[in-house]
Amino acid sequence: MVYLLYLVSITHLMYTRYPQGNLMTTDITTVLAEINSTRPILEQVANKWSVLILTVLCSQPSRFNAIKRRLDPITHKSLTEALRRLERNGLVNRRVIASSPVAVEYSITPLGRTLQDPFIALVSWAKQHGGAMEQAQVVYDDGRDVEESA
């Protein structure tokens, strides 16, 4: 997922700066330098569970166990770590509900909501091109099988 976001970022920078395709070799270095500076942010947003957690929270605030059920097979530990990371990065709010037993509800912040459109675009891309990727994987795997048996 992170690498897909890198590719999208590079493509976006190239086409917003050079819409006619007049990209000179020296400009690639500049574009890649900008991508490298955003890598730590992309890694926080696009790790294994963050995209899915934020997608769940875009629809409505949810309690921990409700998120866990929606994202089965995520482990308790992985969900806890991801939610803490998202809260630390200002993408998720955590609210303790005074009840017996104590409950915690998570909601998306305005900053987190700004990721909704890019996530929708990624999901749309995956739906549109998932079949082609699966076909490419089969072709690749079949080719590897032939190479390994030779």
N, C-alpha and C. Protein backbone atom coordinates (compact mmCIF):
# COMPACT_ATOMS: atom_id res chain seq x y z
N MET A 1 0.82 -1.19 0.00
CA MET A 1 0.00 0.00 0.00
C MET A 1 0.87 1.25 0.00
N VAL A 2 1.92 1.26 0.81
CA VAL A 2 2.79 2.43 0.86
C VAL A 2 3.41 2.68 -0.50
N TYR A 3 3.85 1.60 -1.17
CA TYR A 3 4.49 1.76 -2.47
C TYR A 3 3.50 2.25 -3.51
N LEU A 4 2.25 1.85 -3.41
CA LEU A 4 1.23 2.36 -4.32
C LEU A 4 1.04 3.85 -4.10
N LEU A 5 1.04 4.29 -2.85
CA LEU A 5 0.92 5.71 -2.57
C LEU A 5 2.14 6.48 -3.07
N TYR A 6 3.34 5.88 -2.98
CA TYR A 6 4.53 6.52 -3.55
C TYR A 6 4.34 6.73 -5.04
N LEU A 7 3.89 5.69 -5.73
CA LEU A 7 3.69 5.77 -7.17
C LEU A 7 2.66 6.84 -7.51
N VAL A 8 1.56 6.87 -6.77
CA VAL A 8 0.53 7.88 -7.01
C VAL A 8 1.10 9.27 -6.77
N SER A 9 1.91 9.43 -5.72
CA SER A 9 2.50 10.74 -5.42
C SER A 9 3.46 11.19 -6.51
N ILE A 10 4.31 10.28 -6.98
CA ILE A 10 5.25 10.62 -8.05
C ILE A 10 4.49 11.02 -9.30
N THR A 11 3.49 10.23 -9.66
CA THR A 11 2.70 10.52 -10.86
C THR A 11 2.00 11.86 -10.72
N HIS A 12 1.43 12.12 -9.54
CA HIS A 12 0.74 13.40 -9.31
C HIS A 12 1.71 14.57 -9.47
N LEU A 13 2.88 14.48 -8.85
CA LEU A 13 3.86 15.56 -8.95
C LEU A 13 4.30 15.77 -10.39
N MET A 14 4.52 14.68 -11.10
CA MET A 14 4.98 14.80 -12.48
C MET A 14 3.94 15.46 -13.36
N TYR A 15 2.68 15.08 -13.21
CA TYR A 15 1.65 15.61 -14.09
C TYR A 15 1.16 16.99 -13.68
N THR A 16 1.28 17.35 -12.41
CA THR A 16 0.89 18.71 -12.04
C THR A 16 1.97 19.70 -12.44
N ARG A 17 3.22 19.28 -12.42
CA ARG A 17 4.31 20.18 -12.81
C ARG A 17 4.59 20.13 -14.30
N TYR A 18 4.38 18.99 -14.91
CA TYR A 18 4.74 18.80 -16.31
C TYR A 18 3.58 18.15 -17.06
N PRO A 19 2.45 18.86 -17.18
CA PRO A 19 1.26 18.24 -17.77
C PRO A 19 1.44 17.83 -19.22
N GLN A 20 2.38 18.43 -19.93
CA GLN A 20 2.59 18.08 -21.34
C GLN A 20 3.57 16.91 -21.48
N GLY A 21 4.05 16.38 -20.37
CA GLY A 21 5.00 15.27 -20.44
C GLY A 21 6.42 15.73 -20.70
N ASN A 22 6.72 17.02 -20.57
CA ASN A 22 8.06 17.56 -20.82
C ASN A 22 8.92 17.43 -19.57
N LEU A 23 9.13 16.22 -19.13
CA LEU A 23 9.88 15.98 -17.90
C LEU A 23 11.33 15.68 -18.26
N MET A 24 12.23 16.52 -17.80
CA MET A 24 13.65 16.30 -18.08
C MET A 24 14.22 15.40 -17.00
N THR A 25 15.30 14.69 -17.35
CA THR A 25 15.92 13.74 -16.43
C THR A 25 16.28 14.38 -15.10
N THR A 26 16.80 15.59 -15.11
CA THR A 26 17.21 16.23 -13.86
C THR A 26 16.01 16.51 -12.95
N ASP A 27 14.84 16.67 -13.52
CA ASP A 27 13.65 16.94 -12.72
C ASP A 27 13.20 15.71 -11.94
N ILE A 28 13.52 14.52 -12.40
CA ILE A 28 13.18 13.29 -11.68
C ILE A 28 13.82 13.33 -10.29
N THR A 29 15.05 13.79 -10.20
CA THR A 29 15.73 13.88 -8.91
C THR A 29 14.96 14.76 -7.95
N THR A 30 14.47 15.88 -8.43
CA THR A 30 13.69 16.79 -7.60
C THR A 30 12.41 16.13 -7.13
N VAL A 31 11.72 15.48 -8.05
CA VAL A 31 10.47 14.81 -7.71
C VAL A 31 10.73 13.72 -6.68
N LEU A 32 11.76 12.91 -6.88
CA LEU A 32 12.06 11.83 -5.93
C LEU A 32 12.48 12.38 -4.57
N ALA A 33 13.18 13.50 -4.55
CA ALA A 33 13.55 14.11 -3.27
C ALA A 33 12.31 14.53 -2.50
N GLU A 34 11.32 15.06 -3.19
CA GLU A 34 10.07 15.45 -2.52
C GLU A 34 9.34 14.22 -2.00
N ILE A 35 9.36 13.15 -2.77
CA ILE A 35 8.71 11.91 -2.33
C ILE A 35 9.41 11.37 -1.09
N ASN A 36 10.73 11.39 -1.09
CA ASN A 36 11.47 10.89 0.08
C ASN A 36 11.15 11.68 1.33
N SER A 37 10.88 12.96 1.19
CA SER A 37 10.54 13.76 2.37
C SER A 37 9.14 13.43 2.89
N THR A 38 8.28 12.90 2.05
CA THR A 38 6.93 12.54 2.49
C THR A 38 6.82 11.08 2.92
N ARG A 39 7.86 10.30 2.68
CA ARG A 39 7.82 8.87 3.00
C ARG A 39 7.41 8.57 4.44
N PRO A 40 7.98 9.25 5.44
CA PRO A 40 7.57 8.94 6.82
C PRO A 40 6.07 9.17 7.06
N ILE A 41 5.51 10.19 6.44
CA ILE A 41 4.08 10.46 6.60
C ILE A 41 3.27 9.36 5.93
N LEU A 42 3.66 9.00 4.71
CA LEU A 42 2.93 7.95 3.99
C LEU A 42 2.99 6.63 4.74
N GLU A 43 4.12 6.34 5.36
CA GLU A 43 4.23 5.09 6.12
C GLU A 43 3.29 5.07 7.32
N GLN A 44 3.05 6.22 7.93
CA GLN A 44 2.12 6.29 9.06
C GLN A 44 0.68 6.09 8.60
N VAL A 45 0.35 6.64 7.45
CA VAL A 45 -1.03 6.62 6.96
C VAL A 45 -1.35 5.30 6.27
N ALA A 46 -0.39 4.74 5.57
CA ALA A 46 -0.68 3.61 4.69
C ALA A 46 -0.13 2.29 5.20
N ASN A 47 0.05 2.14 6.49
CA ASN A 47 0.52 0.85 6.96
C ASN A 47 -0.61 -0.18 6.88
N LYS A 48 -0.34 -1.37 7.30
CA LYS A 48 -1.25 -2.50 7.05
C LYS A 48 -2.70 -2.25 7.46
N TRP A 49 -2.95 -1.68 8.62
CA TRP A 49 -4.33 -1.56 9.10
C TRP A 49 -4.88 -0.14 9.08
N SER A 50 -4.05 0.87 9.00
CA SER A 50 -4.52 2.26 9.13
C SER A 50 -5.58 2.63 8.10
N VAL A 51 -5.35 2.28 6.85
CA VAL A 51 -6.31 2.61 5.80
C VAL A 51 -7.67 2.01 6.12
N LEU A 52 -7.68 0.75 6.55
CA LEU A 52 -8.95 0.08 6.84
C LEU A 52 -9.63 0.67 8.07
N ILE A 53 -8.86 0.98 9.10
CA ILE A 53 -9.43 1.59 10.31
C ILE A 53 -10.05 2.94 9.97
N LEU A 54 -9.33 3.76 9.24
CA LEU A 54 -9.85 5.08 8.87
C LEU A 54 -11.08 4.96 7.99
N THR A 55 -11.11 3.96 7.13
CA THR A 55 -12.29 3.74 6.28
C THR A 55 -13.50 3.40 7.13
N VAL A 56 -13.32 2.56 8.14
CA VAL A 56 -14.41 2.21 9.05
C VAL A 56 -14.90 3.46 9.78
N LEU A 57 -13.97 4.27 10.27
CA LEU A 57 -14.34 5.44 11.07
C LEU A 57 -14.90 6.58 10.22
N CYS A 58 -14.66 6.57 8.91
CA CYS A 58 -15.24 7.61 8.04
C CYS A 58 -16.76 7.52 8.05
N SER A 59 -17.30 6.32 8.19
CA SER A 59 -18.75 6.16 8.14
C SER A 59 -19.42 6.55 9.45
N GLN A 60 -18.77 6.26 10.58
CA GLN A 60 -19.35 6.61 11.89
C GLN A 60 -18.35 6.33 13.00
N PRO A 61 -18.46 7.04 14.13
CA PRO A 61 -17.62 6.70 15.28
C PRO A 61 -17.93 5.26 15.72
N SER A 62 -16.91 4.58 16.22
CA SER A 62 -17.11 3.18 16.60
C SER A 62 -16.31 2.85 17.85
N ARG A 63 -16.83 1.90 18.59
CA ARG A 63 -16.12 1.39 19.75
C ARG A 63 -15.07 0.37 19.28
N PHE A 64 -14.12 0.13 20.16
CA PHE A 64 -13.00 -0.75 19.85
C PHE A 64 -13.47 -2.10 19.30
N ASN A 65 -14.36 -2.77 20.03
CA ASN A 65 -14.78 -4.11 19.59
C ASN A 65 -15.55 -4.08 18.28
N ALA A 66 -16.28 -3.01 18.02
CA ALA A 66 -17.00 -2.90 16.74
C ALA A 66 -16.00 -2.79 15.59
N ILE A 67 -14.93 -2.02 15.80
CA ILE A 67 -13.89 -1.91 14.78
C ILE A 67 -13.23 -3.27 14.58
N LYS A 68 -12.94 -3.93 15.69
CA LYS A 68 -12.28 -5.25 15.62
C LYS A 68 -13.13 -6.24 14.84
N ARG A 69 -14.44 -6.25 15.08
CA ARG A 69 -15.32 -7.17 14.35
C ARG A 69 -15.34 -6.84 12.86
N ARG A 70 -15.35 -5.56 12.51
CA ARG A 70 -15.38 -5.16 11.10
C ARG A 70 -14.09 -5.53 10.37
N LEU A 71 -12.98 -5.57 11.12
CA LEU A 71 -11.68 -5.81 10.50
C LEU A 71 -11.12 -7.19 10.80
N ASP A 72 -11.98 -8.12 11.15
CA ASP A 72 -11.54 -9.48 11.39
C ASP A 72 -10.69 -9.92 10.21
N PRO A 73 -9.50 -10.37 10.38
CA PRO A 73 -8.85 -11.04 11.50
C PRO A 73 -7.84 -10.19 12.27
N ILE A 74 -7.98 -8.88 12.34
CA ILE A 74 -7.03 -8.05 13.08
C ILE A 74 -6.97 -8.51 14.53
N THR A 75 -5.77 -8.53 15.09
CA THR A 75 -5.62 -8.93 16.49
C THR A 75 -5.87 -7.72 17.40
N HIS A 76 -6.15 -8.02 18.65
CA HIS A 76 -6.36 -6.98 19.65
C HIS A 76 -5.13 -6.06 19.72
N LYS A 77 -3.96 -6.68 19.75
CA LYS A 77 -2.71 -5.92 19.85
C LYS A 77 -2.50 -5.02 18.63
N SER A 78 -2.71 -5.56 17.44
CA SER A 78 -2.51 -4.77 16.22
C SER A 78 -3.48 -3.60 16.14
N LEU A 79 -4.73 -3.83 16.53
CA LEU A 79 -5.71 -2.76 16.50
C LEU A 79 -5.35 -1.68 17.52
N THR A 80 -4.96 -2.09 18.71
CA THR A 80 -4.56 -1.13 19.75
C THR A 80 -3.40 -0.27 19.27
N GLU A 81 -2.37 -0.91 18.72
CA GLU A 81 -1.19 -0.18 18.24
C GLU A 81 -1.56 0.78 17.11
N ALA A 82 -2.37 0.32 16.18
CA ALA A 82 -2.75 1.16 15.04
C ALA A 82 -3.58 2.35 15.50
N LEU A 83 -4.53 2.13 16.40
CA LEU A 83 -5.36 3.23 16.89
C LEU A 83 -4.52 4.26 17.65
N ARG A 84 -3.57 3.79 18.45
CA ARG A 84 -2.69 4.72 19.17
C ARG A 84 -1.86 5.55 18.19
N ARG A 85 -1.35 4.91 17.15
CA ARG A 85 -0.56 5.61 16.13
C ARG A 85 -1.41 6.65 15.41
N LEU A 86 -2.64 6.27 15.06
CA LEU A 86 -3.54 7.20 14.37
C LEU A 86 -3.93 8.36 15.28
N GLU A 87 -4.14 8.07 16.56
CA GLU A 87 -4.46 9.14 17.51
C GLU A 87 -3.27 10.08 17.68
N ARG A 88 -2.08 9.53 17.80
CA ARG A 88 -0.86 10.34 17.93
C ARG A 88 -0.67 11.24 16.73
N ASN A 89 -1.02 10.76 15.55
CA ASN A 89 -0.85 11.53 14.31
C ASN A 89 -1.99 12.49 14.04
N GLY A 90 -2.96 12.56 14.94
CA GLY A 90 -4.06 13.52 14.79
C GLY A 90 -5.14 13.10 13.81
N LEU A 91 -5.19 11.81 13.48
CA LEU A 91 -6.16 11.33 12.51
C LEU A 91 -7.41 10.74 13.16
N VAL A 92 -7.29 10.38 14.44
CA VAL A 92 -8.38 9.73 15.17
C VAL A 92 -8.49 10.36 16.56
N ASN A 93 -9.72 10.53 17.02
CA ASN A 93 -9.99 10.95 18.40
C ASN A 93 -10.39 9.74 19.21
N ARG A 94 -9.99 9.73 20.47
CA ARG A 94 -10.36 8.66 21.41
C ARG A 94 -11.17 9.30 22.53
N ARG A 95 -12.36 8.74 22.79
CA ARG A 95 -13.23 9.29 23.84
C ARG A 95 -13.61 8.16 24.78
N VAL A 96 -13.32 8.36 26.06
CA VAL A 96 -13.68 7.37 27.08
C VAL A 96 -15.11 7.65 27.50
N ILE A 97 -15.93 6.60 27.49
CA ILE A 97 -17.34 6.70 27.87
C ILE A 97 -17.47 6.14 29.28
N ALA A 98 -17.93 6.98 30.19
CA ALA A 98 -18.10 6.55 31.57
C ALA A 98 -19.30 5.62 31.67
N SER A 99 -19.00 4.36 31.73
CA SER A 99 -20.04 3.34 31.87
C SER A 99 -19.42 2.17 32.61
N SER A 100 -20.21 1.18 32.86
CA SER A 100 -19.69 -0.01 33.52
C SER A 100 -19.92 -1.21 32.61
N PRO A 101 -18.92 -1.81 32.05
CA PRO A 101 -17.51 -1.43 32.12
C PRO A 101 -17.23 -0.19 31.26
N VAL A 102 -16.08 0.41 31.50
CA VAL A 102 -15.69 1.61 30.75
C VAL A 102 -15.57 1.25 29.27
N ALA A 103 -16.09 2.13 28.43
CA ALA A 103 -16.02 1.91 26.98
C ALA A 103 -15.22 3.04 26.34
N VAL A 104 -14.67 2.75 25.19
CA VAL A 104 -13.91 3.75 24.44
C VAL A 104 -14.47 3.81 23.03
N GLU A 105 -14.69 5.04 22.56
CA GLU A 105 -15.19 5.24 21.21
C GLU A 105 -14.15 6.03 20.41
N TYR A 106 -13.96 5.62 19.18
CA TYR A 106 -13.02 6.29 18.29
C TYR A 106 -13.78 6.96 17.17
N SER A 107 -13.30 8.15 16.79
CA SER A 107 -13.91 8.87 15.67
C SER A 107 -12.80 9.49 14.84
N ILE A 108 -13.14 9.78 13.62
CA ILE A 108 -12.15 10.37 12.71
C ILE A 108 -12.11 11.88 12.96
N THR A 109 -10.94 12.46 12.87
CA THR A 109 -10.78 13.91 13.04
C THR A 109 -10.95 14.59 11.68
N PRO A 110 -11.09 15.91 11.68
CA PRO A 110 -11.13 16.61 10.39
C PRO A 110 -9.89 16.33 9.53
N LEU A 111 -8.72 16.23 10.16
CA LEU A 111 -7.51 15.89 9.41
C LEU A 111 -7.62 14.48 8.82
N GLY A 112 -8.11 13.54 9.61
CA GLY A 112 -8.30 12.18 9.11
C GLY A 112 -9.30 12.12 7.97
N ARG A 113 -10.33 12.94 8.05
CA ARG A 113 -11.36 12.95 7.00
C ARG A 113 -10.79 13.41 5.66
N THR A 114 -9.72 14.20 5.68
CA THR A 114 -9.13 14.64 4.41
C THR A 114 -8.56 13.47 3.61
N LEU A 115 -8.39 12.32 4.25
CA LEU A 115 -7.90 11.13 3.55
C LEU A 115 -9.02 10.34 2.88
N GLN A 116 -10.26 10.70 3.13
CA GLN A 116 -11.39 9.92 2.61
C GLN A 116 -11.37 9.84 1.08
N ASP A 117 -11.21 10.96 0.39
CA ASP A 117 -11.22 10.94 -1.07
C ASP A 117 -10.06 10.13 -1.66
N PRO A 118 -8.82 10.30 -1.16
CA PRO A 118 -7.75 9.44 -1.68
C PRO A 118 -8.01 7.95 -1.44
N PHE A 119 -8.59 7.61 -0.29
CA PHE A 119 -8.89 6.20 -0.02
C PHE A 119 -9.97 5.68 -0.96
N ILE A 120 -10.99 6.49 -1.21
CA ILE A 120 -12.04 6.10 -2.15
C ILE A 120 -11.43 5.87 -3.52
N ALA A 121 -10.51 6.74 -3.92
CA ALA A 121 -9.85 6.59 -5.22
C ALA A 121 -9.04 5.29 -5.27
N LEU A 122 -8.34 4.95 -4.18
CA LEU A 122 -7.57 3.71 -4.15
C LEU A 122 -8.48 2.48 -4.22
N VAL A 123 -9.59 2.52 -3.50
CA VAL A 123 -10.54 1.40 -3.54
C VAL A 123 -11.11 1.26 -4.95
N SER A 124 -11.45 2.37 -5.56
CA SER A 124 -11.97 2.35 -6.93
C SER A 124 -10.94 1.77 -7.88
N TRP A 125 -9.69 2.19 -7.72
CA TRP A 125 -8.62 1.65 -8.56
C TRP A 125 -8.49 0.14 -8.36
N ALA A 126 -8.53 -0.30 -7.11
CA ALA A 126 -8.40 -1.73 -6.81
C ALA A 126 -9.54 -2.53 -7.44
N LYS A 127 -10.76 -1.99 -7.38
CA LYS A 127 -11.90 -2.68 -7.99
C LYS A 127 -11.74 -2.75 -9.50
N GLN A 128 -11.29 -1.66 -10.08
CA GLN A 128 -11.18 -1.58 -11.53
C GLN A 128 -10.03 -2.45 -12.06
N HIS A 129 -8.92 -2.52 -11.34
CA HIS A 129 -7.72 -3.17 -11.86
C HIS A 129 -7.34 -4.45 -11.11
N GLY A 130 -8.12 -4.84 -10.12
CA GLY A 130 -7.79 -6.04 -9.35
C GLY A 130 -7.70 -7.28 -10.21
N GLY A 131 -8.63 -7.44 -11.14
CA GLY A 131 -8.61 -8.60 -12.03
C GLY A 131 -7.35 -8.65 -12.87
N ALA A 132 -6.93 -7.52 -13.39
CA ALA A 132 -5.71 -7.46 -14.20
C ALA A 132 -4.49 -7.83 -13.35
N MET A 133 -4.47 -7.38 -12.10
CA MET A 133 -3.35 -7.73 -11.23
C MET A 133 -3.34 -9.23 -10.94
N GLU A 134 -4.52 -9.80 -10.70
CA GLU A 134 -4.59 -11.24 -10.45
C GLU A 134 -4.10 -12.02 -11.66
N GLN A 135 -4.48 -11.58 -12.86
CA GLN A 135 -4.01 -12.25 -14.08
C GLN A 135 -2.49 -12.14 -14.21
N ALA A 136 -1.95 -10.97 -13.92
CA ALA A 136 -0.50 -10.77 -13.99
C ALA A 136 0.21 -11.68 -12.98
N GLN A 137 -0.37 -11.85 -11.81
CA GLN A 137 0.22 -12.72 -10.80
C GLN A 137 0.25 -14.17 -11.27
N VAL A 138 -0.83 -14.61 -11.91
CA VAL A 138 -0.88 -15.98 -12.43
C VAL A 138 0.19 -16.17 -13.50
N VAL A 139 0.29 -15.22 -14.42
CA VAL A 139 1.30 -15.31 -15.48
C VAL A 139 2.70 -15.34 -14.87
N TYR A 140 2.95 -14.47 -13.92
CA TYR A 140 4.25 -14.42 -13.25
C TYR A 140 4.54 -15.73 -12.53
N ASP A 141 3.58 -16.20 -11.74
CA ASP A 141 3.78 -17.44 -10.98
C ASP A 141 3.99 -18.63 -11.90
N ASP A 142 3.24 -18.70 -12.99
CA ASP A 142 3.42 -19.79 -13.96
C ASP A 142 4.81 -19.73 -14.58
N GLY A 143 5.28 -18.54 -14.89
CA GLY A 143 6.62 -18.38 -15.44
C GLY A 143 7.70 -18.77 -14.45
N ARG A 144 7.49 -18.45 -13.19
CA ARG A 144 8.45 -18.82 -12.14
C ARG A 144 8.49 -20.33 -11.96
N ASP A 145 7.32 -20.97 -12.05
CA ASP A 145 7.26 -22.43 -11.92
C ASP A 145 8.07 -23.09 -13.03
N VAL A 146 7.96 -22.57 -14.25
CA VAL A 146 8.69 -23.13 -15.39
C VAL A 146 10.19 -22.93 -15.18
N GLU A 147 10.60 -21.74 -14.73
CA GLU A 147 12.02 -21.45 -14.49
C GLU A 147 12.59 -22.36 -13.41
N GLU A 148 11.84 -22.57 -12.34
CA GLU A 148 12.33 -23.37 -11.22
C GLU A 148 12.41 -24.85 -11.56
N SER A 149 11.55 -25.32 -12.45
CA SER A 149 11.58 -26.74 -12.81
C SER A 149 12.64 -27.04 -13.86
N ALA A 150 13.17 -25.99 -14.49
CA ALA A 150 14.19 -26.20 -15.54
C ALA A 150 15.56 -26.40 -14.96
